[in-house]
C-alpha atoms as a PDB file:
ATOM      1  CA  MET A   1      87.005-122.122 183.394  1.00  0.00           C
ATOM      2  CA  THR A   2      84.207-123.936 181.832  1.00  0.00           C
ATOM      3  CA  ASP A   3      82.381-123.316 178.536  1.00  0.00           C
ATOM      4  CA  ASP A   4      79.457-121.663 180.375  1.00  0.00           C
ATOM      5  CA  THR A   5      81.739-118.883 181.728  1.00  0.00           C
ATOM      6  CA  LEU A   6      83.472-118.128 178.397  1.00  0.00           C
ATOM      7  CA  ARG A   7      82.237-114.988 176.657  1.00  0.00           C
ATOM      8  CA  SER A   8      83.568-114.075 173.202  1.00  0.00           C
ATOM      9  CA  VAL A   9      83.171-111.783 170.181  1.00  0.00           C
ATOM     10  CA  ARG A  10      84.843-111.990 166.797  1.00  0.00           C
ATOM     11  CA  ILE A  11      85.992-108.819 165.132  1.00  0.00           C
ATOM     12  CA  ASP A  12      86.415-108.626 161.386  1.00  0.00           C
ATOM     13  CA  ARG A  13      87.851-105.743 159.419  1.00  0.00           C
ATOM     14  CA  THR A  14      85.349-104.695 156.796  1.00  0.00           C
ATOM     15  CA  ALA A  15      87.032-101.711 155.281  1.00  0.00           C
ATOM     16  CA  ALA A  16      89.882 -99.257 156.193  1.00  0.00           C
ATOM     17  CA  GLY A  17      89.192 -98.162 159.724  1.00  0.00           C
ATOM     18  CA  ARG A  18      85.879-100.071 159.933  1.00  0.00           C
ATOM     19  CA  TYR A  19      85.129-103.276 161.815  1.00  0.00           C
ATOM     20  CA  THR A  20      82.220-105.592 162.655  1.00  0.00           C
ATOM     21  CA  ALA A  21      81.959-107.383 166.032  1.00  0.00           C
ATOM     22  CA  THR A  22      79.870-110.563 165.956  1.00  0.00           C
ATOM     23  CA  ASN A  23      78.765-112.462 169.047  1.00  0.00           C
ATOM     24  CA  VAL A  24      78.026-116.121 169.267  1.00  0.00           C
ATOM     25  CA  ARG A  25      74.299-115.532 168.890  1.00  0.00           C
ATOM     26  CA  GLY A  26      74.882-113.726 165.601  1.00  0.00           C
ATOM     27  CA  GLY A  27      74.380-110.167 166.756  1.00  0.00           C
ATOM     28  CA  GLU A  28      76.557-107.622 164.949  1.00  0.00           C
ATOM     29  CA  LEU A  29      77.896-104.174 165.839  1.00  0.00           C
ATOM     30  CA  THR A  30      79.831-101.954 163.495  1.00  0.00           C
ATOM     31  CA  PHE A  31      82.484 -99.617 164.782  1.00  0.00           C
ATOM     32  CA  GLY A  32      85.509 -97.745 163.535  1.00  0.00           C
ATOM     33  CA  SER A  33      88.437 -95.466 163.990  1.00  0.00           C
ATOM     34  CA  THR A  34      87.388 -92.839 161.563  1.00  0.00           C
ATOM     35  CA  GLY A  35      85.258 -89.691 161.991  1.00  0.00           C
ATOM     36  CA  ASP A  36      82.035 -91.230 160.606  1.00  0.00           C
ATOM     37  CA  ALA A  37      78.866 -92.046 162.581  1.00  0.00           C
ATOM     38  CA  ASP A  38      80.214 -95.388 163.854  1.00  0.00           C
ATOM     39  CA  PHE A  39      81.111 -95.787 167.470  1.00  0.00           C
ATOM     40  CA  THR A  40      84.796 -95.758 168.384  1.00  0.00           C
ATOM     41  CA  PRO A  41      86.151 -98.465 170.704  1.00  0.00           C
ATOM     42  CA  VAL A  42      86.311 -95.910 173.541  1.00  0.00           C
ATOM     43  CA  GLU A  43      82.624 -95.011 172.986  1.00  0.00           C
ATOM     44  CA  LEU A  44      81.842 -98.737 173.044  1.00  0.00           C
ATOM     45  CA  LEU A  45      83.585 -98.958 176.437  1.00  0.00           C
ATOM     46  CA  LEU A  46      81.516 -96.076 177.745  1.00  0.00           C
ATOM     47  CA  ALA A  47      78.279 -97.690 176.332  1.00  0.00           C
ATOM     48  CA  ALA A  48      79.207-101.031 177.906  1.00  0.00           C
ATOM     49  CA  ILE A  49      79.747 -99.452 181.292  1.00  0.00           C
ATOM     50  CA  GLY A  50      76.513 -97.465 181.227  1.00  0.00           C
ATOM     51  CA  GLY A  51      74.527-100.203 179.542  1.00  0.00           C
ATOM     52  CA  CYS A  52      75.426-102.824 182.086  1.00  0.00           C
ATOM     53  CA  THR A  53      74.166-100.779 185.014  1.00  0.00           C
ATOM     54  CA  ALA A  54      71.235 -99.485 182.975  1.00  0.00           C
ATOM     55  CA  VAL A  55      70.011-103.120 182.447  1.00  0.00           C
ATOM     56  CA  ASP A  56      70.338-103.957 186.147  1.00  0.00           C
ATOM     57  CA  ALA A  57      68.571-100.771 187.261  1.00  0.00           C
ATOM     58  CA  ASP A  58      65.823-101.104 184.634  1.00  0.00           C
ATOM     59  CA  ILE A  59      65.054-104.755 185.614  1.00  0.00           C
ATOM     60  CA  ALA A  60      64.853-103.774 189.275  1.00  0.00           C
ATOM     61  CA  THR A  61      62.652-100.759 188.941  1.00  0.00           C
ATOM     62  CA  SER A  62      60.432-101.731 186.017  1.00  0.00           C
ATOM     63  CA  ARG A  63      59.105-104.636 188.117  1.00  0.00           C
ATOM     64  CA  HIS A  64      57.191-101.953 190.025  1.00  0.00           C
ATOM     65  CA  GLU A  65      56.533 -99.348 187.341  1.00  0.00           C
ATOM     66  CA  GLU A  66      57.545 -98.651 183.749  1.00  0.00           C
ATOM     67  CA  PRO A  67      59.635 -95.523 183.500  1.00  0.00           C
ATOM     68  CA  THR A  68      58.301 -92.495 181.558  1.00  0.00           C
ATOM     69  CA  GLY A  69      61.926 -91.490 180.813  1.00  0.00           C
ATOM     70  CA  PHE A  70      65.110 -93.473 181.124  1.00  0.00           C
ATOM     71  CA  THR A  71      68.458 -91.934 180.034  1.00  0.00           C
ATOM     72  CA  VAL A  72      71.941 -92.911 181.133  1.00  0.00           C
ATOM     73  CA  THR A  73      74.862 -90.654 180.262  1.00  0.00           C
ATOM     74  CA  VAL A  74      78.479 -91.870 180.519  1.00  0.00           C
ATOM     75  CA  THR A  75      81.389 -89.527 180.411  1.00  0.00           C
ATOM     76  CA  GLY A  76      85.128 -89.683 180.844  1.00  0.00           C
ATOM     77  CA  ASP A  77      88.332 -88.046 179.835  1.00  0.00           C
ATOM     78  CA  LYS A  78      90.682 -89.657 177.403  1.00  0.00           C
ATOM     79  CA  ILE A  79      94.244 -88.920 178.436  1.00  0.00           C
ATOM     80  CA  SER A  80      97.782 -89.896 177.557  1.00  0.00           C
ATOM     81  CA  ASP A  81     100.403 -90.007 180.332  1.00  0.00           C
ATOM     82  CA  GLU A  82     103.308 -92.108 181.566  1.00  0.00           C
ATOM     83  CA  LEU A  83     100.866 -95.062 181.742  1.00  0.00           C
ATOM     84  CA  GLY A  84      99.823 -94.681 178.087  1.00  0.00           C
ATOM     85  CA  GLN A  85      96.402 -93.806 176.683  1.00  0.00           C
ATOM     86  CA  ARG A  86      93.501 -94.481 178.958  1.00  0.00           C
ATOM     87  CA  MET A  87      90.226 -93.096 180.374  1.00  0.00           C
ATOM     88  CA  THR A  88      89.918 -91.241 183.634  1.00  0.00           C
ATOM     89  CA  ASN A  89      87.095 -89.608 185.505  1.00  0.00           C
ATOM     90  CA  LEU A  90      84.526 -92.170 184.325  1.00  0.00           C
ATOM     91  CA  ALA A  91      81.040 -91.153 185.504  1.00  0.00           C
ATOM     92  CA  VAL A  92      77.605 -92.714 184.927  1.00  0.00           C
ATOM     93  CA  THR A  93      74.570 -90.470 185.411  1.00  0.00           C
ATOM     94  CA  PHE A  94      71.000 -91.712 185.476  1.00  0.00           C
ATOM     95  CA  THR A  95      68.077 -89.525 184.617  1.00  0.00           C
ATOM     96  CA  VAL A  96      65.021 -91.564 185.186  1.00  0.00           C
ATOM     97  CA  SER A  97      61.385 -90.659 185.779  1.00  0.00           C
ATOM     98  CA  PHE A  98      58.395 -92.677 186.766  1.00  0.00           C
ATOM     99  CA  PRO A  99      54.583 -91.878 186.774  1.00  0.00           C
ATOM    100  CA  GLU A 100      53.031 -90.418 189.892  1.00  0.00           C
ATOM    101  CA  GLY A 101      51.463 -92.896 192.314  1.00  0.00           C
ATOM    102  CA  GLU A 102      52.402 -95.746 194.655  1.00  0.00           C
ATOM    103  CA  ALA A 103      54.068 -97.904 191.985  1.00  0.00           C
ATOM    104  CA  GLY A 104      56.128 -94.973 190.719  1.00  0.00           C
ATOM    105  CA  ASP A 105      57.081 -94.073 194.251  1.00  0.00           C
ATOM    106  CA  ARG A 106      58.381 -97.607 194.828  1.00  0.00           C
ATOM    107  CA  ALA A 107      60.358 -97.578 191.617  1.00  0.00           C
ATOM    108  CA  ARG A 108      61.844 -94.138 192.501  1.00  0.00           C
ATOM    109  CA  ALA A 109      62.842 -95.434 195.920  1.00  0.00           C
ATOM    110  CA  ILE A 110      64.541 -98.567 194.536  1.00  0.00           C
ATOM    111  CA  LEU A 111      66.474 -96.796 191.770  1.00  0.00           C
ATOM    112  CA  PRO A 112      69.413 -95.493 193.853  1.00  0.00           C
ATOM    113  CA  ARG A 113      69.903 -98.875 195.560  1.00  0.00           C
ATOM    114  CA  ALA A 114      69.625-100.714 192.284  1.00  0.00           C
ATOM    115  CA  VAL A 115      72.274 -98.457 190.698  1.00  0.00           C
ATOM    116  CA  LYS A 116      74.602 -98.880 193.731  1.00  0.00           C
ATOM    117  CA  THR A 117      74.173-102.611 193.813  1.00  0.00           C
ATOM    118  CA  SER A 118      74.859-102.897 190.106  1.00  0.00           C
ATOM    119  CA  HIS A 119      77.947-100.691 190.436  1.00  0.00           C
ATOM    120  CA  ASP A 120      79.273-102.447 193.626  1.00  0.00           C
ATOM    121  CA  ARG A 121      78.447-106.104 192.759  1.00  0.00           C
ATOM    122  CA  LEU A 122      76.521-106.932 189.613  1.00  0.00           C
ATOM    123  CA  CYS A 123      77.765-105.085 186.556  1.00  0.00           C
ATOM    124  CA  THR A 124      80.466-107.263 185.131  1.00  0.00           C
ATOM    125  CA  VAL A 125      81.777-104.444 182.900  1.00  0.00           C
ATOM    126  CA  SER A 126      82.328-101.737 185.516  1.00  0.00           C
ATOM    127  CA  ARG A 127      83.504-104.294 188.013  1.00  0.00           C
ATOM    128  CA  THR A 128      86.179-105.495 185.666  1.00  0.00           C
ATOM    129  CA  VAL A 129      87.276-101.924 184.810  1.00  0.00           C
ATOM    130  CA  GLU A 130      87.463-100.938 188.523  1.00  0.00           C
ATOM    131  CA  ILE A 131      89.193-104.010 189.812  1.00  0.00           C
ATOM    132  CA  GLY A 132      91.571-104.053 186.848  1.00  0.00           C
ATOM    133  CA  THR A 133      91.854-107.280 184.911  1.00  0.00           C
ATOM    134  CA  PRO A 134      95.045-108.082 182.907  1.00  0.00           C
ATOM    135  CA  VAL A 135      94.470-108.363 179.100  1.00  0.00           C
ATOM    136  CA  THR A 136      96.671-110.570 176.958  1.00  0.00           C
ATOM    137  CA  SER A 137      97.245-110.068 173.286  1.00  0.00           C
ATOM    138  CA  THR A 138      98.738-112.746 171.003  1.00  0.00           C
ATOM    139  CA  VAL A 139      99.343-113.051 167.277  1.00  0.00           C
ATOM    140  CA  GLU A 140      98.645-116.389 165.617  1.00  0.00           C
ATOM    141  CA  ASP A 141     100.314-117.496 162.412  1.00  0.00           C
END
């Protein structure tokens, strides 16, 4: 792999049960394992799955018309079984509306195809989850 294919984030512990992820551009996202308002890692996974397809669908449809409403809901069941803890029944639901008129009609017509194309080919996040990519963990001294 070359440097242009590598993606990375750094995660720093900021307090008990609290962490900050920083990307190479300096963006930061706080998350945690406690019951506060921070996202949990599982919620970040759901957000990444939905967000990836949302971006693809938004780009494809907003070329024709700006949406008047755009909501993506991602759900799943967290289970523990013989395979360990994991998510099942992942579902991404789009609720999108466009103004009446020719441009809105085009955007409405494109939306299902844009969502399907993202899911089937473009969204790196959901493609990685569905295909199943091994994850390695190491501890450095």
